[in-house]
Amino acid sequence: MEKMLAVTDVQLFNLVGLSALHANVLRDGTSACYLFRLSEPQLRCLRQLSTADLMRLVDSFRSGPLFQLRSDFCELVQAPGHVRQLRTLLADPAPSQWSPPQPDRRKPVAAAGR
């Protein structure tokens, strides 16, 4: 009997990102800090994680991404390659501030005179 592992798109996104970060941190922490703009506390935290810890962390984030696109992502996609490379070196924008729309929780108001 084969064992199947079902993951959401968000979990797969988180797993790939965390695995890349973790592998880089273990290989060369200084380089990882530069490449991924990690702080010292983030570096220490990532160094302490085991593969099992990564899997548990990914499992706990079923619908929430751990990583956000840059706020200038669309501009980078549309820019010519050489401009894109310069912008990624020079700019350090904050993550995008997008958040999913929230459902309208207001109660419907009864029509007047009814």
Protein backbone atom coordinates (compact mmCIF):
# COMPACT_ATOMS: atom_id res chain seq x y z
CA MET A 1 0.00 0.00 0.00
CA GLU A 2 1.39 3.38 -1.02
CA LYS A 3 1.38 6.25 1.41
CA MET A 4 0.01 9.48 0.01
CA LEU A 5 0.77 12.90 1.34
CA ALA A 6 -1.79 15.59 0.61
CA VAL A 7 -0.67 19.19 0.93
CA THR A 8 -2.37 22.44 0.04
CA ASP A 9 -0.85 24.86 -2.45
CA VAL A 10 0.05 27.15 0.45
CA GLN A 11 1.76 24.32 2.33
CA LEU A 12 3.78 23.43 -0.76
CA PHE A 13 4.77 27.08 -1.19
CA ASN A 14 5.83 27.26 2.48
CA LEU A 15 7.71 23.94 2.28
CA VAL A 16 9.75 24.93 -0.76
CA GLY A 17 10.56 28.35 0.69
CA LEU A 18 11.48 27.06 4.15
CA SER A 19 13.52 24.20 2.71
CA ALA A 20 15.54 26.59 0.56
CA LEU A 21 16.11 28.94 3.49
CA HIS A 22 17.03 26.10 5.83
CA ALA A 23 19.49 24.50 3.39
CA ASN A 24 21.20 27.85 2.76
CA VAL A 25 21.40 28.66 6.47
CA LEU A 26 23.00 25.30 7.24
CA ARG A 27 25.45 25.62 4.34
CA ASP A 28 26.54 29.25 4.91
CA GLY A 29 24.64 31.41 7.38
CA THR A 30 26.34 34.67 6.39
CA SER A 31 25.53 34.18 2.74
CA ALA A 32 21.94 33.18 3.61
CA CYS A 33 21.49 36.39 5.62
CA TYR A 34 22.60 38.43 2.63
CA LEU A 35 20.63 36.48 0.00
CA PHE A 36 17.36 36.29 1.93
CA ARG A 37 17.73 39.44 4.07
CA LEU A 38 17.56 37.46 7.29
CA SER A 39 18.10 39.01 10.69
CA GLU A 40 20.34 37.40 13.29
CA PRO A 41 17.37 36.08 15.33
CA GLN A 42 15.84 34.58 12.17
CA LEU A 43 19.17 32.93 11.33
CA ARG A 44 19.44 31.40 14.81
CA CYS A 45 15.85 30.19 14.67
CA LEU A 46 16.30 28.54 11.26
CA ARG A 47 19.57 26.88 12.35
CA GLN A 48 17.80 25.19 15.25
CA LEU A 49 15.06 23.62 13.12
CA SER A 50 15.24 19.97 12.17
CA THR A 51 13.60 18.55 9.06
CA ALA A 52 10.79 17.23 11.27
CA ASP A 53 10.36 20.74 12.74
CA LEU A 54 10.04 22.15 9.21
CA MET A 55 7.37 19.62 8.33
CA ARG A 56 5.40 20.35 11.52
CA LEU A 57 5.63 24.08 10.86
CA VAL A 58 4.42 23.66 7.26
CA ASP A 59 1.59 21.41 8.43
CA SER A 60 0.40 24.04 10.90
CA PHE A 61 0.17 26.70 8.16
CA ARG A 62 -2.48 25.11 5.97
CA SER A 63 -3.96 28.32 4.59
CA GLY A 64 -1.51 31.07 5.50
CA PRO A 65 1.64 31.75 3.50
CA LEU A 66 4.82 32.38 5.45
CA PHE A 67 6.20 34.51 2.62
CA GLN A 68 4.74 37.51 0.80
CA LEU A 69 5.53 38.90 -2.61
CA ARG A 70 7.43 42.16 -2.76
CA SER A 71 5.34 45.30 -3.03
CA ASP A 72 7.01 46.05 -6.39
CA PHE A 73 6.49 42.55 -7.81
CA CYS A 74 4.33 43.64 -10.78
CA GLU A 75 6.81 46.36 -11.73
CA LEU A 76 9.66 43.84 -11.60
CA VAL A 77 7.77 41.40 -13.82
CA GLN A 78 7.14 44.11 -16.41
CA ALA A 79 10.64 45.62 -16.32
CA PRO A 80 13.38 44.61 -18.81
CA GLY A 81 15.83 42.04 -17.41
CA HIS A 82 18.71 44.46 -16.75
CA VAL A 83 16.40 46.93 -14.98
CA ARG A 84 14.89 44.09 -12.95
CA GLN A 85 18.34 43.02 -11.77
CA LEU A 86 19.24 46.56 -10.72
CA ARG A 87 15.95 47.07 -8.88
CA THR A 88 16.37 43.86 -6.90
CA LEU A 89 19.87 44.97 -5.86
CA LEU A 90 19.02 48.57 -5.01
CA ALA A 91 15.48 48.40 -3.68
CA ASP A 92 14.42 46.73 -0.49
CA PRO A 93 10.66 47.24 -0.49
CA ALA A 94 8.40 46.07 2.24
CA PRO A 95 6.29 42.98 1.54
CA SER A 96 3.03 43.72 -0.17
CA GLN A 97 0.30 44.86 2.14
CA TRP A 98 -2.44 42.89 0.42
CA SER A 99 -4.80 40.99 2.64
CA PRO A 100 -7.70 38.83 1.54
CA PRO A 101 -11.12 40.46 1.55
CA GLN A 102 -13.07 39.84 4.72
CA PRO A 103 -16.66 38.61 4.57
CA ASP A 104 -19.34 41.16 5.34
CA ARG A 105 -20.50 40.25 8.86
CA ARG A 106 -23.10 42.99 9.17
CA LYS A 107 -26.65 41.83 9.76
CA PRO A 108 -29.12 42.74 7.04
CA VAL A 109 -31.27 45.72 7.94
CA ALA A 110 -35.05 45.28 7.57
CA ALA A 111 -36.68 47.66 5.09
CA ALA A 112 -38.44 50.64 6.69
CA GLY A 113 -42.23 50.46 7.04
CA ARG A 114 -42.55 46.70 6.98
